[in-house]
Amino acid sequence: FLDPFCGTGIVAWTAKRLGMRVVVNDVLLSAHLRHRALIANN
């Protein structure tokens, strides 16, 4: 599941919990660090 405009991350975070491999992206540093902490981090 690819989410290149991830924003808050709620959709990708939920897709992760459904078992899919998730690739996310956001241009904002704060969003990126949030995605690393809550989505890329297992």
PDB file of all heavy atoms in Angstrom:
ATOM      1  N   PHE A   1       0.866  -1.183   0.000  1.00  0.00           N
ATOM      2  CA  PHE A   1       0.000   0.000   0.000  1.00  0.00           C
ATOM      3  C   PHE A   1       0.900   1.229   0.000  1.00  0.00           C
ATOM      4  O   PHE A   1       1.702   1.430   0.913  1.00  0.00           O
ATOM      5  CB  PHE A   1      -0.874  -0.036   1.256  1.00  0.00           C
ATOM      6  CG  PHE A   1      -1.908   1.055   1.363  1.00  0.00           C
ATOM      7  CD1 PHE A   1      -3.197   0.849   0.900  1.00  0.00           C
ATOM      8  CD2 PHE A   1      -1.600   2.274   1.959  1.00  0.00           C
ATOM      9  CE1 PHE A   1      -4.171   1.844   1.014  1.00  0.00           C
ATOM     10  CE2 PHE A   1      -2.553   3.270   2.080  1.00  0.00           C
ATOM     11  CZ  PHE A   1      -3.851   3.053   1.600  1.00  0.00           C
ATOM     12  N   LEU A   2       0.770   2.065  -1.031  1.00  0.00           N
ATOM     13  CA  LEU A   2       1.585   3.266  -1.171  1.00  0.00           C
ATOM     14  C   LEU A   2       0.740   4.501  -0.909  1.00  0.00           C
ATOM     15  O   LEU A   2      -0.289   4.708  -1.548  1.00  0.00           O
ATOM     16  CB  LEU A   2       2.185   3.321  -2.580  1.00  0.00           C
ATOM     17  CG  LEU A   2       2.910   4.619  -2.987  1.00  0.00           C
ATOM     18  CD1 LEU A   2       4.066   4.933  -2.054  1.00  0.00           C
ATOM     19  CD2 LEU A   2       3.384   4.520  -4.440  1.00  0.00           C
ATOM     20  N   ASP A   3       1.187   5.345   0.029  1.00  0.00           N
ATOM     21  CA  ASP A   3       0.486   6.582   0.377  1.00  0.00           C
ATOM     22  C   ASP A   3       1.493   7.727   0.301  1.00  0.00           C
ATOM     23  O   ASP A   3       2.171   8.045   1.278  1.00  0.00           O
ATOM     24  CB  ASP A   3      -0.097   6.468   1.789  1.00  0.00           C
ATOM     25  CG  ASP A   3      -0.984   7.646   2.166  1.00  0.00           C
ATOM     26  OD1 ASP A   3      -0.943   8.662   1.455  1.00  0.00           O
ATOM     27  OD2 ASP A   3      -1.708   7.547   3.169  1.00  0.00           O
ATOM     28  N   PRO A   4       1.626   8.368  -0.863  1.00  0.00           N
ATOM     29  CA  PRO A   4       2.673   9.387  -1.044  1.00  0.00           C
ATOM     30  C   PRO A   4       2.315  10.778  -0.523  1.00  0.00           C
ATOM     31  O   PRO A   4       3.156  11.663  -0.519  1.00  0.00           O
ATOM     32  CB  PRO A   4       2.860   9.413  -2.565  1.00  0.00           C
ATOM     33  CG  PRO A   4       1.509   9.055  -3.102  1.00  0.00           C
ATOM     34  CD  PRO A   4       0.906   8.097  -2.113  1.00  0.00           C
ATOM     35  N   PHE A   5       1.051  10.982  -0.110  1.00  0.00           N
ATOM     36  CA  PHE A   5       0.618  12.248   0.501  1.00  0.00           C
ATOM     37  C   PHE A   5       0.028  11.913   1.873  1.00  0.00           C
ATOM     38  O   PHE A   5      -1.145  12.167   2.145  1.00  0.00           O
ATOM     39  CB  PHE A   5      -0.428  12.941  -0.377  1.00  0.00           C
ATOM     40  CG  PHE A   5       0.004  13.181  -1.793  1.00  0.00           C
ATOM     41  CD1 PHE A   5      -0.231  12.242  -2.792  1.00  0.00           C
ATOM     42  CD2 PHE A   5       0.646  14.366  -2.155  1.00  0.00           C
ATOM     43  CE1 PHE A   5       0.152  12.469  -4.101  1.00  0.00           C
ATOM     44  CE2 PHE A   5       1.031  14.606  -3.474  1.00  0.00           C
ATOM     45  CZ  PHE A   5       0.793  13.652  -4.447  1.00  0.00           C
ATOM     46  N   CYS A   6       0.836  11.377   2.753  1.00  0.00           N
ATOM     47  CA  CYS A   6       0.317  10.645   3.914  1.00  0.00           C
ATOM     48  C   CYS A   6      -0.335  11.522   4.979  1.00  0.00           C
ATOM     49  O   CYS A   6      -1.205  11.068   5.698  1.00  0.00           O
ATOM     50  CB  CYS A   6       1.449   9.821   4.532  1.00  0.00           C
ATOM     51  SG  CYS A   6       0.888   8.501   5.617  1.00  0.00           S
ATOM     52  N   GLY A   7       0.080  12.777   5.106  1.00  0.00           N
ATOM     53  CA  GLY A   7      -0.580  13.678   6.051  1.00  0.00           C
ATOM     54  C   GLY A   7      -0.566  13.163   7.476  1.00  0.00           C
ATOM     55  O   GLY A   7       0.478  12.824   8.037  1.00  0.00           O
ATOM     56  N   THR A   8      -1.739  13.066   8.092  1.00  0.00           N
ATOM     57  CA  THR A   8      -1.802  12.567   9.469  1.00  0.00           C
ATOM     58  C   THR A   8      -1.321  11.132   9.572  1.00  0.00           C
ATOM     59  O   THR A   8      -0.787  10.722  10.596  1.00  0.00           O
ATOM     60  CB  THR A   8      -3.245  12.621  10.020  1.00  0.00           C
ATOM     61  OG1 THR A   8      -4.079  11.735   9.277  1.00  0.00           O
ATOM     62  CG2 THR A   8      -3.804  14.036   9.968  1.00  0.00           C
ATOM     63  N   GLY A   9      -1.533  10.344   8.517  1.00  0.00           N
ATOM     64  CA  GLY A   9      -1.082   8.957   8.514  1.00  0.00           C
ATOM     65  C   GLY A   9      -2.134   7.953   8.927  1.00  0.00           C
ATOM     66  O   GLY A   9      -1.856   6.756   8.961  1.00  0.00           O
ATOM     67  N   ILE A  10      -3.368   8.385   9.194  1.00  0.00           N
ATOM     68  CA  ILE A  10      -4.384   7.485   9.734  1.00  0.00           C
ATOM     69  C   ILE A  10      -4.725   6.360   8.755  1.00  0.00           C
ATOM     70  O   ILE A  10      -4.920   5.213   9.169  1.00  0.00           O
ATOM     71  CB  ILE A  10      -5.664   8.265  10.136  1.00  0.00           C
ATOM     72  CG1 ILE A  10      -6.727   7.345  10.744  1.00  0.00           C
ATOM     73  CG2 ILE A  10      -6.241   9.023   8.956  1.00  0.00           C
ATOM     74  CD1 ILE A  10      -6.339   6.732  12.060  1.00  0.00           C
ATOM     75  N   VAL A  11      -4.772   6.640   7.446  1.00  0.00           N
ATOM     76  CA  VAL A  11      -5.132   5.599   6.482  1.00  0.00           C
ATOM     77  C   VAL A  11      -4.009   4.578   6.365  1.00  0.00           C
ATOM     78  O   VAL A  11      -4.235   3.363   6.437  1.00  0.00           O
ATOM     79  CB  VAL A  11      -5.460   6.215   5.106  1.00  0.00           C
ATOM     80  CG1 VAL A  11      -5.749   5.114   4.084  1.00  0.00           C
ATOM     81  CG2 VAL A  11      -6.667   7.151   5.214  1.00  0.00           C
ATOM     82  N   ALA A  12      -2.777   5.047   6.196  1.00  0.00           N
ATOM     83  CA  ALA A  12      -1.641   4.123   6.062  1.00  0.00           C
ATOM     84  C   ALA A  12      -1.410   3.348   7.352  1.00  0.00           C
ATOM     85  O   ALA A  12      -1.085   2.152   7.329  1.00  0.00           O
ATOM     86  CB  ALA A  12      -0.391   4.903   5.685  1.00  0.00           C
ATOM     87  N   TRP A  13      -1.567   4.010   8.494  1.00  0.00           N
ATOM     88  CA  TRP A  13      -1.404   3.347   9.793  1.00  0.00           C
ATOM     89  C   TRP A  13      -2.407   2.206   9.939  1.00  0.00           C
ATOM     90  O   TRP A  13      -2.066   1.124  10.434  1.00  0.00           O
ATOM     91  CB  TRP A  13      -1.588   4.381  10.900  1.00  0.00           C
ATOM     92  CG  TRP A  13      -1.491   3.880  12.303  1.00  0.00           C
ATOM     93  CD1 TRP A  13      -0.347   3.657  13.025  1.00  0.00           C
ATOM     94  CD2 TRP A  13      -2.578   3.589  13.195  1.00  0.00           C
ATOM     95  NE1 TRP A  13      -0.663   3.236  14.298  1.00  0.00           N
ATOM     96  CE2 TRP A  13      -2.021   3.187  14.430  1.00  0.00           C
ATOM     97  CE3 TRP A  13      -3.967   3.628  13.065  1.00  0.00           C
ATOM     98  CZ2 TRP A  13      -2.805   2.829  15.520  1.00  0.00           C
ATOM     99  CZ3 TRP A  13      -4.744   3.272  14.147  1.00  0.00           C
ATOM    100  CH2 TRP A  13      -4.172   2.878  15.361  1.00  0.00           C
ATOM    101  N   THR A  14      -3.631   2.415   9.475  1.00  0.00           N
ATOM    102  CA  THR A  14      -4.655   1.376   9.537  1.00  0.00           C
ATOM    103  C   THR A  14      -4.355   0.263   8.539  1.00  0.00           C
ATOM    104  O   THR A  14      -4.528  -0.925   8.850  1.00  0.00           O
ATOM    105  CB  THR A  14      -6.046   1.966   9.267  1.00  0.00           C
ATOM    106  OG1 THR A  14      -6.269   3.072  10.155  1.00  0.00           O
ATOM    107  CG2 THR A  14      -7.139   0.930   9.487  1.00  0.00           C
ATOM    108  N   ALA A  15      -3.894   0.631   7.335  1.00  0.00           N
ATOM    109  CA  ALA A  15      -3.522  -0.385   6.347  1.00  0.00           C
ATOM    110  C   ALA A  15      -2.405  -1.270   6.879  1.00  0.00           C
ATOM    111  O   ALA A  15      -2.384  -2.483   6.643  1.00  0.00           O
ATOM    112  CB  ALA A  15      -3.091   0.291   5.048  1.00  0.00           C
ATOM    113  N   LYS A  16      -1.478  -0.679   7.615  1.00  0.00           N
ATOM    114  CA  LYS A  16      -0.404  -1.470   8.242  1.00  0.00           C
ATOM    115  C   LYS A  16      -0.983  -2.492   9.208  1.00  0.00           C
ATOM    116  O   LYS A  16      -0.571  -3.653   9.242  1.00  0.00           O
ATOM    117  CB  LYS A  16       0.570  -0.544   8.963  1.00  0.00           C
ATOM    118  CG  LYS A  16       1.651  -1.294   9.751  1.00  0.00           C
ATOM    119  CD  LYS A  16       2.544  -0.360  10.548  1.00  0.00           C
ATOM    120  CE  LYS A  16       3.546  -1.161  11.372  1.00  0.00           C
ATOM    121  NZ  LYS A  16       4.449  -0.300  12.177  1.00  0.00           N
ATOM    122  N   ARG A  17      -1.957  -2.074   9.994  1.00  0.00           N
ATOM    123  CA  ARG A  17      -2.544  -2.982  10.983  1.00  0.00           C
ATOM    124  C   ARG A  17      -3.384  -4.075  10.328  1.00  0.00           C
ATOM    125  O   ARG A  17      -3.712  -5.073  10.972  1.00  0.00           O
ATOM    126  CB  ARG A  17      -3.378  -2.173  11.991  1.00  0.00           C
ATOM    127  CG  ARG A  17      -2.538  -1.183  12.766  1.00  0.00           C
ATOM    128  CD  ARG A  17      -3.359  -0.322  13.695  1.00  0.00           C
ATOM    129  NE  ARG A  17      -3.297  -0.792  15.077  1.00  0.00           N
ATOM    130  CZ  ARG A  17      -2.277  -0.597  15.899  1.00  0.00           C
ATOM    131  NH1 ARG A  17      -1.203   0.024  15.471  1.00  0.00           N
ATOM    132  NH2 ARG A  17      -2.316  -1.030  17.136  1.00  0.00           N
ATOM    133  N   LEU A  18      -3.722  -3.886   9.072  1.00  0.00           N
ATOM    134  CA  LEU A  18      -4.423  -4.932   8.317  1.00  0.00           C
ATOM    135  C   LEU A  18      -3.449  -5.911   7.672  1.00  0.00           C
ATOM    136  O   LEU A  18      -3.870  -6.844   6.992  1.00  0.00           O
ATOM    137  CB  LEU A  18      -5.306  -4.297   7.256  1.00  0.00           C
ATOM    138  CG  LEU A  18      -6.510  -3.500   7.781  1.00  0.00           C
ATOM    139  CD1 LEU A  18      -7.224  -2.789   6.640  1.00  0.00           C
ATOM    140  CD2 LEU A  18      -7.480  -4.405   8.525  1.00  0.00           C
ATOM    141  N   GLY A  19      -2.143  -5.697   7.872  1.00  0.00           N
ATOM    142  CA  GLY A  19      -1.137  -6.647   7.427  1.00  0.00           C
ATOM    143  C   GLY A  19      -0.427  -6.310   6.145  1.00  0.00           C
ATOM    144  O   GLY A  19       0.461  -7.048   5.708  1.00  0.00           O
ATOM    145  N   MET A  20      -0.798  -5.197   5.502  1.00  0.00           N
ATOM    146  CA  MET A  20      -0.127  -4.823   4.264  1.00  0.00           C
ATOM    147  C   MET A  20       1.227  -4.169   4.536  1.00  0.00           C
ATOM    148  O   MET A  20       1.413  -3.511   5.570  1.00  0.00           O
ATOM    149  CB  MET A  20      -0.998  -3.848   3.463  1.00  0.00           C
ATOM    150  CG  MET A  20      -2.173  -4.501   2.758  1.00  0.00           C
ATOM    151  SD  MET A  20      -3.195  -3.289   1.870  1.00  0.00           S
ATOM    152  CE  MET A  20      -4.281  -2.739   3.199  1.00  0.00           C
ATOM    153  N   ARG A  21       2.157  -4.354   3.617  1.00  0.00           N
ATOM    154  CA  ARG A  21       3.389  -3.578   3.645  1.00  0.00           C
ATOM    155  C   ARG A  21       3.030  -2.161   3.225  1.00  0.00           C
ATOM    156  O   ARG A  21       2.345  -1.949   2.220  1.00  0.00           O
ATOM    157  CB  ARG A  21       4.423  -4.163   2.689  1.00  0.00           C
ATOM    158  CG  ARG A  21       5.701  -3.336   2.580  1.00  0.00           C
ATOM    159  CD  ARG A  21       6.737  -4.012   1.710  1.00  0.00           C
ATOM    160  NE  ARG A  21       7.905  -3.170   1.543  1.00  0.00           N
ATOM    161  CZ  ARG A  21       8.110  -2.327   0.538  1.00  0.00           C
ATOM    162  NH1 ARG A  21       7.202  -2.251  -0.434  1.00  0.00           N
ATOM    163  NH2 ARG A  21       9.197  -1.583   0.470  1.00  0.00           N
ATOM    164  N   VAL A  22       3.488  -1.178   3.987  1.00  0.00           N
ATOM    165  CA  VAL A  22       3.081   0.201   3.767  1.00  0.00           C
ATOM    166  C   VAL A  22       4.307   1.054   3.443  1.00  0.00           C
ATOM    167  O   VAL A  22       5.319   0.991   4.149  1.00  0.00           O
ATOM    168  CB  VAL A  22       2.343   0.753   5.007  1.00  0.00           C
ATOM    169  CG1 VAL A  22       2.067   2.228   4.844  1.00  0.00           C
ATOM    170  CG2 VAL A  22       1.050  -0.010   5.237  1.00  0.00           C
ATOM    171  N   VAL A  23       4.192   1.837   2.385  1.00  0.00           N
ATOM    172  CA  VAL A  23       5.214   2.813   2.014  1.00  0.00           C
ATOM    173  C   VAL A  23       4.553   4.181   2.031  1.00  0.00           C
ATOM    174  O   VAL A  23       3.567   4.403   1.313  1.00  0.00           O
ATOM    175  CB  VAL A  23       5.807   2.517   0.624  1.00  0.00           C
ATOM    176  CG1 VAL A  23       6.878   3.559   0.278  1.00  0.00           C
ATOM    177  CG2 VAL A  23       6.390   1.112   0.565  1.00  0.00           C
ATOM    178  N   VAL A  24       5.069   5.093   2.858  1.00  0.00           N
ATOM    179  CA  VAL A  24       4.427   6.402   3.028  1.00  0.00           C
ATOM    180  C   VAL A  24       5.425   7.520   2.741  1.00  0.00           C
ATOM    181  O   VAL A  24       6.639   7.321   2.747  1.00  0.00           O
ATOM    182  CB  VAL A  24       3.834   6.556   4.444  1.00  0.00           C
ATOM    183  CG1 VAL A  24       2.801   5.485   4.708  1.00  0.00           C
ATOM    184  CG2 VAL A  24       4.933   6.516   5.506  1.00  0.00           C
ATOM    185  N   ASN A  25       4.868   8.718   2.544  1.00  0.00           N
ATOM    186  CA  ASN A  25       5.692   9.866   2.199  1.00  0.00           C
ATOM    187  C   ASN A  25       4.968  11.151   2.579  1.00  0.00           C
ATOM    188  O   ASN A  25       3.738  11.221   2.544  1.00  0.00           O
ATOM    189  CB  ASN A  25       5.962   9.877   0.683  1.00  0.00           C
ATOM    190  CG  ASN A  25       6.745  11.098   0.241  1.00  0.00           C
ATOM    191  OD1 ASN A  25       7.942  11.198   0.507  1.00  0.00           O
ATOM    192  ND2 ASN A  25       6.087  12.034  -0.435  1.00  0.00           N
ATOM    193  N   ASP A  26       5.721  12.160   2.967  1.00  0.00           N
ATOM    194  CA  ASP A  26       5.182  13.507   3.128  1.00  0.00           C
ATOM    195  C   ASP A  26       6.348  14.477   3.057  1.00  0.00           C
ATOM    196  O   ASP A  26       7.444  14.162   3.538  1.00  0.00           O
ATOM    197  CB  ASP A  26       4.448  13.668   4.454  1.00  0.00           C
ATOM    198  CG  ASP A  26       3.463  14.829   4.425  1.00  0.00           C
ATOM    199  OD1 ASP A  26       3.908  15.991   4.513  1.00  0.00           O
ATOM    200  OD2 ASP A  26       2.248  14.569   4.291  1.00  0.00           O
ATOM    201  N   VAL A  27       6.124  15.650   2.464  1.00  0.00           N
ATOM    202  CA  VAL A  27       7.215  16.615   2.330  1.00  0.00           C
ATOM    203  C   VAL A  27       7.534  17.299   3.660  1.00  0.00           C
ATOM    204  O   VAL A  27       8.657  17.758   3.857  1.00  0.00           O
ATOM    205  CB  VAL A  27       6.911  17.682   1.255  1.00  0.00           C
ATOM    206  CG1 VAL A  27       6.909  17.055  -0.120  1.00  0.00           C
ATOM    207  CG2 VAL A  27       5.605  18.407   1.540  1.00  0.00           C
ATOM    208  N   LEU A  28       6.567  17.384   4.565  1.00  0.00           N
ATOM    209  CA  LEU A  28       6.807  18.034   5.845  1.00  0.00           C
ATOM    210  C   LEU A  28       7.669  17.156   6.750  1.00  0.00           C
ATOM    211  O   LEU A  28       7.423  15.957   6.899  1.00  0.00           O
ATOM    212  CB  LEU A  28       5.494  18.349   6.545  1.00  0.00           C
ATOM    213  CG  LEU A  28       4.682  19.508   5.978  1.00  0.00           C
ATOM    214  CD1 LEU A  28       3.371  19.657   6.751  1.00  0.00           C
ATOM    215  CD2 LEU A  28       5.468  20.813   6.022  1.00  0.00           C
ATOM    216  N   LEU A  29       8.648  17.761   7.392  1.00  0.00           N
ATOM    217  CA  LEU A  29       9.522  17.022   8.293  1.00  0.00           C
ATOM    218  C   LEU A  29       8.746  16.451   9.475  1.00  0.00           C
ATOM    219  O   LEU A  29       8.956  15.299   9.871  1.00  0.00           O
ATOM    220  CB  LEU A  29      10.643  17.933   8.804  1.00  0.00           C
ATOM    221  CG  LEU A  29      11.582  17.319   9.844  1.00  0.00           C
ATOM    222  CD1 LEU A  29      12.342  16.132   9.261  1.00  0.00           C
ATOM    223  CD2 LEU A  29      12.542  18.379  10.380  1.00  0.00           C
ATOM    224  N   SER A  30       7.844  17.235  10.057  1.00  0.00           N
ATOM    225  CA  SER A  30       7.089  16.760  11.216  1.00  0.00           C
ATOM    226  C   SER A  30       6.247  15.545  10.866  1.00  0.00           C
ATOM    227  O   SER A  30       6.172  14.578  11.642  1.00  0.00           O
ATOM    228  CB  SER A  30       6.199  17.873  11.774  1.00  0.00           C
ATOM    229  OG  SER A  30       5.373  18.418  10.762  1.00  0.00           O
ATOM    230  N   ALA A  31       5.611  15.557   9.692  1.00  0.00           N
ATOM    231  CA  ALA A  31       4.829  14.398   9.258  1.00  0.00           C
ATOM    232  C   ALA A  31       5.745  13.208   9.001  1.00  0.00           C
ATOM    233  O   ALA A  31       5.430  12.073   9.371  1.00  0.00           O
ATOM    234  CB  ALA A  31       4.037  14.741   7.999  1.00  0.00           C
ATOM    235  N   HIS A  32       6.880  13.452   8.376  1.00  0.00           N
ATOM    236  CA  HIS A  32       7.827  12.372   8.078  1.00  0.00           C
ATOM    237  C   HIS A  32       8.307  11.683   9.354  1.00  0.00           C
ATOM    238  O   HIS A  32       8.334  10.451   9.435  1.00  0.00           O
ATOM    239  CB  HIS A  32       9.009  12.951   7.307  1.00  0.00           C
ATOM    240  CG  HIS A  32      10.139  11.999   7.112  1.00  0.00           C
ATOM    241  ND1 HIS A  32       9.995  10.791   6.457  1.00  0.00           N
ATOM    242  CD2 HIS A  32      11.448  12.065   7.505  1.00  0.00           C
ATOM    243  CE1 HIS A  32      11.162  10.159   6.435  1.00  0.00           C
ATOM    244  NE2 HIS A  32      12.052  10.907   7.068  1.00  0.00           N
ATOM    245  N   LEU A  33       8.681  12.464  10.356  1.00  0.00           N
ATOM    246  CA  LEU A  33       9.153  11.869  11.613  1.00  0.00           C
ATOM    247  C   LEU A  33       8.031  11.112  12.315  1.00  0.00           C
ATOM    248  O   LEU A  33       8.266  10.059  12.926  1.00  0.00           O
ATOM    249  CB  LEU A  33       9.718  12.956  12.524  1.00  0.00           C
ATOM    250  CG  LEU A  33      10.962  13.693  12.006  1.00  0.00           C
ATOM    251  CD1 LEU A  33      11.443  14.697  13.035  1.00  0.00           C
ATOM    252  CD2 LEU A  33      12.076  12.715  11.660  1.00  0.00           C
ATOM    253  N   ARG A  34       6.810  11.622  12.226  1.00  0.00           N
ATOM    254  CA  ARG A  34       5.662  10.917  12.797  1.00  0.00           C
ATOM    255  C   ARG A  34       5.451   9.584  12.097  1.00  0.00           C
ATOM    256  O   ARG A  34       5.188   8.560  12.740  1.00  0.00           O
ATOM    257  CB  ARG A  34       4.415  11.786  12.689  1.00  0.00           C
ATOM    258  CG  ARG A  34       3.177  11.215  13.333  1.00  0.00           C
ATOM    259  CD  ARG A  34       2.061  12.231  13.384  1.00  0.00           C
ATOM    260  NE  ARG A  34       1.581  12.625  12.070  1.00  0.00           N
ATOM    261  CZ  ARG A  34       1.751  13.844  11.539  1.00  0.00           C
ATOM    262  NH1 ARG A  34       2.401  14.775  12.199  1.00  0.00           N
ATOM    263  NH2 ARG A  34       1.268  14.129  10.337  1.00  0.00           N
ATOM    264  N   HIS A  35       5.587   9.574  10.777  1.00  0.00           N
ATOM    265  CA  HIS A  35       5.414   8.332  10.018  1.00  0.00           C
ATOM    266  C   HIS A  35       6.527   7.335  10.331  1.00  0.00           C
ATOM    267  O   HIS A  35       6.293   6.129  10.385  1.00  0.00           O
ATOM    268  CB  HIS A  35       5.392   8.634   8.523  1.00  0.00           C
ATOM    269  CG  HIS A  35       4.304   9.580   8.128  1.00  0.00           C
ATOM    270  ND1 HIS A  35       4.373  10.357   6.996  1.00  0.00           N
ATOM    271  CD2 HIS A  35       3.119   9.885   8.733  1.00  0.00           C
ATOM    272  CE1 HIS A  35       3.275  11.101   6.912  1.00  0.00           C
ATOM    273  NE2 HIS A  35       2.514  10.826   7.959  1.00  0.00           N
ATOM    274  N   ARG A  36       7.745   7.826  10.526  1.00  0.00           N
ATOM    275  CA  ARG A  36       8.829   6.918  10.891  1.00  0.00           C
ATOM    276  C   ARG A  36       8.573   6.312  12.263  1.00  0.00           C
ATOM    277  O   ARG A  36       8.797   5.116  12.486  1.00  0.00           O
ATOM    278  CB  ARG A  36      10.168   7.664  10.895  1.00  0.00           C
ATOM    279  CG  ARG A  36      10.714   7.902   9.525  1.00  0.00           C
ATOM    280  CD  ARG A  36      12.223   7.955   9.462  1.00  0.00           C
ATOM    281  NE  ARG A  36      12.888   8.803  10.424  1.00  0.00           N
ATOM    282  CZ  ARG A  36      13.981   9.508  10.139  1.00  0.00           C
ATOM    283  NH1 ARG A  36      14.478   9.490   8.904  1.00  0.00           N
ATOM    284  NH2 ARG A  36      14.573  10.236  11.064  1.00  0.00           N
ATOM    285  N   ALA A  37       8.098   7.138  13.198  1.00  0.00           N
ATOM    286  CA  ALA A  37       7.906   6.674  14.569  1.00  0.00           C
ATOM    287  C   ALA A  37       6.732   5.721  14.716  1.00  0.00           C
ATOM    288  O   ALA A  37       6.779   4.776  15.522  1.00  0.00           O
ATOM    289  CB  ALA A  37       7.713   7.881  15.497  1.00  0.00           C
ATOM    290  N   LEU A  38       5.654   5.942  13.930  1.00  0.00           N
ATOM    291  CA  LEU A  38       4.422   5.178  14.128  1.00  0.00           C
ATOM    292  C   LEU A  38       4.114   4.179  13.022  1.00  0.00           C
ATOM    293  O   LEU A  38       3.281   3.290  13.219  1.00  0.00           O
ATOM    294  CB  LEU A  38       3.234   6.141  14.275  1.00  0.00           C
ATOM    295  CG  LEU A  38       3.333   7.190  15.379  1.00  0.00           C
ATOM    296  CD1 LEU A  38       2.060   8.023  15.433  1.00  0.00           C
ATOM    297  CD2 LEU A  38       3.629   6.557  16.724  1.00  0.00           C
ATOM    298  N   ILE A  39       4.761   4.304  11.855  1.00  0.00           N
ATOM    299  CA  ILE A  39       4.448   3.416  10.729  1.00  0.00           C
ATOM    300  C   ILE A  39       5.665   2.591  10.309  1.00  0.00           C
ATOM    301  O   ILE A  39       5.615   1.363  10.267  1.00  0.00           O
ATOM    302  CB  ILE A  39       3.886   4.213   9.538  1.00  0.00           C
ATOM    303  CG1 ILE A  39       2.546   4.860   9.918  1.00  0.00           C
ATOM    304  CG2 ILE A  39       3.699   3.302   8.319  1.00  0.00           C
ATOM    305  CD1 ILE A  39       1.951   5.764   8.853  1.00  0.00           C
ATOM    306  N   ALA A  40       6.783   3.243  10.016  1.00  0.00           N
ATOM    307  CA  ALA A  40       7.987   2.488   9.652  1.00  0.00           C
ATOM    308  C   ALA A  40       8.520   1.694  10.840  1.00  0.00           C
ATOM    309  O   ALA A  40       9.072   0.607  10.684  1.00  0.00           O
ATOM    310  CB  ALA A  40       9.060   3.438   9.124  1.00  0.00           C
ATOM    311  N   ASN A  41       8.336   2.218  12.011  1.00  0.00           N
ATOM    312  CA  ASN A  41       8.776   1.565  13.245  1.00  0.00           C
ATOM    313  C   ASN A  41       7.817   0.444  13.625  1.00  0.00           C
ATOM    314  O   ASN A  41       6.619   0.668  13.784  1.00  0.00           O
ATOM    315  CB  ASN A  41       8.839   2.611  14.361  1.00  0.00           C
ATOM    316  CG  ASN A  41       9.111   2.021  15.727  1.00  0.00           C
ATOM    317  OD1 ASN A  41       9.711   0.956  15.852  1.00  0.00           O
ATOM    318  ND2 ASN A  41       8.660   2.716  16.762  1.00  0.00           N
ATOM    319  N   ASN A  42       8.337  -0.752  13.810  1.00  0.00           N
ATOM    320  CA  ASN A  42       7.497  -1.905  14.150  1.00  0.00           C
ATOM    321  C   ASN A  42       7.457  -2.235  15.637  1.00  0.00           C
ATOM    322  O   ASN A  42       6.487  -2.861  16.088  1.00  0.00           O
ATOM    323  CB  ASN A  42       7.954  -3.149  13.382  1.00  0.00           C
ATOM    324  CG  ASN A  42       7.412  -3.197  11.970  1.00  0.00           C
ATOM    325  OD1 ASN A  42       6.481  -2.478  11.618  1.00  0.00           O
ATOM    326  ND2 ASN A  42       7.999  -4.049  11.144  1.00  0.00           N
TER     327      ASN A  42
END
